[in-house]
Every structure is written in structure tokens, then in C-alpha cells.
Amino acid sequence: MLPSPERDHSSEESAEEKRQKDRELAEAEIKLARLKRMKDRLRFLQMAFTLIAAVTGNPVYRWAARGIQWVMELIRDSK
């Protein structure tokens, strides 16, 4: 018995849809990993600036730490 062309066409579409969904999922995972790395780096900078501000008393470092906190909140709120 020969396979019907309709069945082949639908299986090709479903395979393409599955590949598309897998690709979208992989892209979303990459985006989340990048966002996590960026947040980790910002958190490290914020802690460093806070520590330097405490040691030196220079308000510029406090302002920098607050600026980084503001950026982190923007990132969190954009989700």
C-alpha cells in the first residue's frame, strides 16, 4: 500500500513545527542565560561599589551602586 501524499505532507508540517518550537525554546533558554549572567555581573559591580563607598566615603560610588540597582530593577520589571 502506498502512503498517501496527504499523510506525508501533514507529517512534514508537524516535523517542521516541532523543529520551529525546539528552535524557539533554545533561543529563549539562551536569552535567559545571558540575562542571568548580566544580572550576576551587575550584582557584583553593585557590591563592589557599595564596599568602595563604605571604605572611601566617596558618594560617587554610592550613586553608582544606586544606578546599578535601578538598572537591575528595570530588568526585573521588564520580564
C-alpha atoms as a PDB file:
ATOM      1  CA  MET A   1       0.000   0.000   0.000  1.00  0.00           C
ATOM      2  CA  LEU A   2       1.366   3.392  -0.988  1.00  0.00           C
ATOM      3  CA  PRO A   3       1.468   6.141   1.628  1.00  0.00           C
ATOM      4  CA  SER A   4      -0.960   8.912   0.909  1.00  0.00           C
ATOM      5  CA  PRO A   5       0.534  12.297  -0.046  1.00  0.00           C
ATOM      6  CA  GLU A   6      -1.714  13.998   2.490  1.00  0.00           C
ATOM      7  CA  ARG A   7      -0.259  11.961   5.339  1.00  0.00           C
ATOM      8  CA  ASP A   8       3.320  12.730   4.213  1.00  0.00           C
ATOM      9  CA  HIS A   9       2.516  16.422   3.930  1.00  0.00           C
ATOM     10  CA  SER A  10       0.982  16.584   7.409  1.00  0.00           C
ATOM     11  CA  SER A  11       3.902  14.706   8.955  1.00  0.00           C
ATOM     12  CA  GLU A  12       6.336  17.101   7.235  1.00  0.00           C
ATOM     13  CA  GLU A  13       4.407  20.059   8.649  1.00  0.00           C
ATOM     14  CA  SER A  14       4.368  18.608  12.143  1.00  0.00           C
ATOM     15  CA  ALA A  15       8.098  17.877  11.949  1.00  0.00           C
ATOM     16  CA  GLU A  16       8.751  21.452  10.802  1.00  0.00           C
ATOM     17  CA  GLU A  17       6.536  22.808  13.587  1.00  0.00           C
ATOM     18  CA  LYS A  18       8.434  20.702  16.123  1.00  0.00           C
ATOM     19  CA  ARG A  19      11.786  21.988  14.827  1.00  0.00           C
ATOM     20  CA  GLN A  20      10.469  25.555  14.999  1.00  0.00           C
ATOM     21  CA  LYS A  21       9.283  25.085  18.590  1.00  0.00           C
ATOM     22  CA  ASP A  22      12.600  23.491  19.563  1.00  0.00           C
ATOM     23  CA  ARG A  23      14.469  26.394  17.974  1.00  0.00           C
ATOM     24  CA  GLU A  24      12.311  28.954  19.806  1.00  0.00           C
ATOM     25  CA  LEU A  25      12.831  27.122  23.096  1.00  0.00           C
ATOM     26  CA  ALA A  26      16.600  27.050  22.583  1.00  0.00           C
ATOM     27  CA  GLU A  27      16.620  30.780  21.778  1.00  0.00           C
ATOM     28  CA  ALA A  28      14.592  31.521  24.914  1.00  0.00           C
ATOM     29  CA  GLU A  29      16.998  29.466  27.046  1.00  0.00           C
ATOM     30  CA  ILE A  30      19.968  31.342  25.576  1.00  0.00           C
ATOM     31  CA  LYS A  31      18.283  34.664  26.278  1.00  0.00           C
ATOM     32  CA  LEU A  32      17.597  33.675  29.896  1.00  0.00           C
ATOM     33  CA  ALA A  33      21.195  32.519  30.383  1.00  0.00           C
ATOM     34  CA  ARG A  34      22.513  35.831  29.036  1.00  0.00           C
ATOM     35  CA  LEU A  35      20.144  37.766  31.268  1.00  0.00           C
ATOM     36  CA  LYS A  36      21.274  35.778  34.315  1.00  0.00           C
ATOM     37  CA  ARG A  37      24.958  36.420  33.528  1.00  0.00           C
ATOM     38  CA  MET A  38      24.261  40.131  33.089  1.00  0.00           C
ATOM     39  CA  LYS A  39      22.364  40.288  36.386  1.00  0.00           C
ATOM     40  CA  ASP A  40      25.194  38.455  38.172  1.00  0.00           C
ATOM     41  CA  ARG A  41      27.739  40.926  36.804  1.00  0.00           C
ATOM     42  CA  LEU A  42      25.591  43.889  37.796  1.00  0.00           C
ATOM     43  CA  ARG A  43      25.130  42.463  41.299  1.00  0.00           C
ATOM     44  CA  PHE A  44      28.911  42.042  41.624  1.00  0.00           C
ATOM     45  CA  LEU A  45      29.511  45.642  40.492  1.00  0.00           C
ATOM     46  CA  GLN A  46      26.879  46.903  42.897  1.00  0.00           C
ATOM     47  CA  MET A  47      28.518  45.094  45.821  1.00  0.00           C
ATOM     48  CA  ALA A  48      31.965  46.347  44.789  1.00  0.00           C
ATOM     49  CA  PHE A  49      30.783  49.961  44.531  1.00  0.00           C
ATOM     50  CA  THR A  50      28.963  49.695  47.863  1.00  0.00           C
ATOM     51  CA  LEU A  51      32.100  48.331  49.530  1.00  0.00           C
ATOM     52  CA  ILE A  52      34.315  51.033  47.987  1.00  0.00           C
ATOM     53  CA  ALA A  53      31.812  53.700  49.055  1.00  0.00           C
ATOM     54  CA  ALA A  54      31.889  52.382  52.617  1.00  0.00           C
ATOM     55  CA  VAL A  55      35.688  52.344  52.705  1.00  0.00           C
ATOM     56  CA  THR A  56      36.368  55.666  50.986  1.00  0.00           C
ATOM     57  CA  GLY A  57      33.249  57.605  51.878  1.00  0.00           C
ATOM     58  CA  ASN A  58      33.102  58.865  48.285  1.00  0.00           C
ATOM     59  CA  PRO A  59      29.440  59.487  47.338  1.00  0.00           C
ATOM     60  CA  VAL A  60      30.121  58.797  43.653  1.00  0.00           C
ATOM     61  CA  TYR A  61      30.411  55.092  44.419  1.00  0.00           C
ATOM     62  CA  ARG A  62      27.114  55.132  46.337  1.00  0.00           C
ATOM     63  CA  TRP A  63      25.449  56.810  43.348  1.00  0.00           C
ATOM     64  CA  ALA A  64      26.959  54.206  41.031  1.00  0.00           C
ATOM     65  CA  ALA A  65      25.623  51.401  43.249  1.00  0.00           C
ATOM     66  CA  ARG A  66      22.171  53.009  43.239  1.00  0.00           C
ATOM     67  CA  GLY A  67      22.318  53.356  39.465  1.00  0.00           C
ATOM     68  CA  ILE A  68      23.129  49.684  39.107  1.00  0.00           C
ATOM     69  CA  GLN A  69      20.272  48.821  41.459  1.00  0.00           C
ATOM     70  CA  TRP A  70      17.957  50.912  39.287  1.00  0.00           C
ATOM     71  CA  VAL A  71      19.084  49.047  36.150  1.00  0.00           C
ATOM     72  CA  MET A  72      18.550  45.698  37.876  1.00  0.00           C
ATOM     73  CA  GLU A  73      15.008  46.743  38.823  1.00  0.00           C
ATOM     74  CA  LEU A  74      14.316  47.794  35.228  1.00  0.00           C
ATOM     75  CA  ILE A  75      15.476  44.398  34.007  1.00  0.00           C
ATOM     76  CA  ARG A  76      13.337  42.613  36.586  1.00  0.00           C
ATOM     77  CA  ASP A  77      10.269  44.713  35.749  1.00  0.00           C
ATOM     78  CA  SER A  78      10.689  44.173  32.004  1.00  0.00           C
ATOM     79  CA  LYS A  79      10.030  40.440  32.385  1.00  0.00           C
END
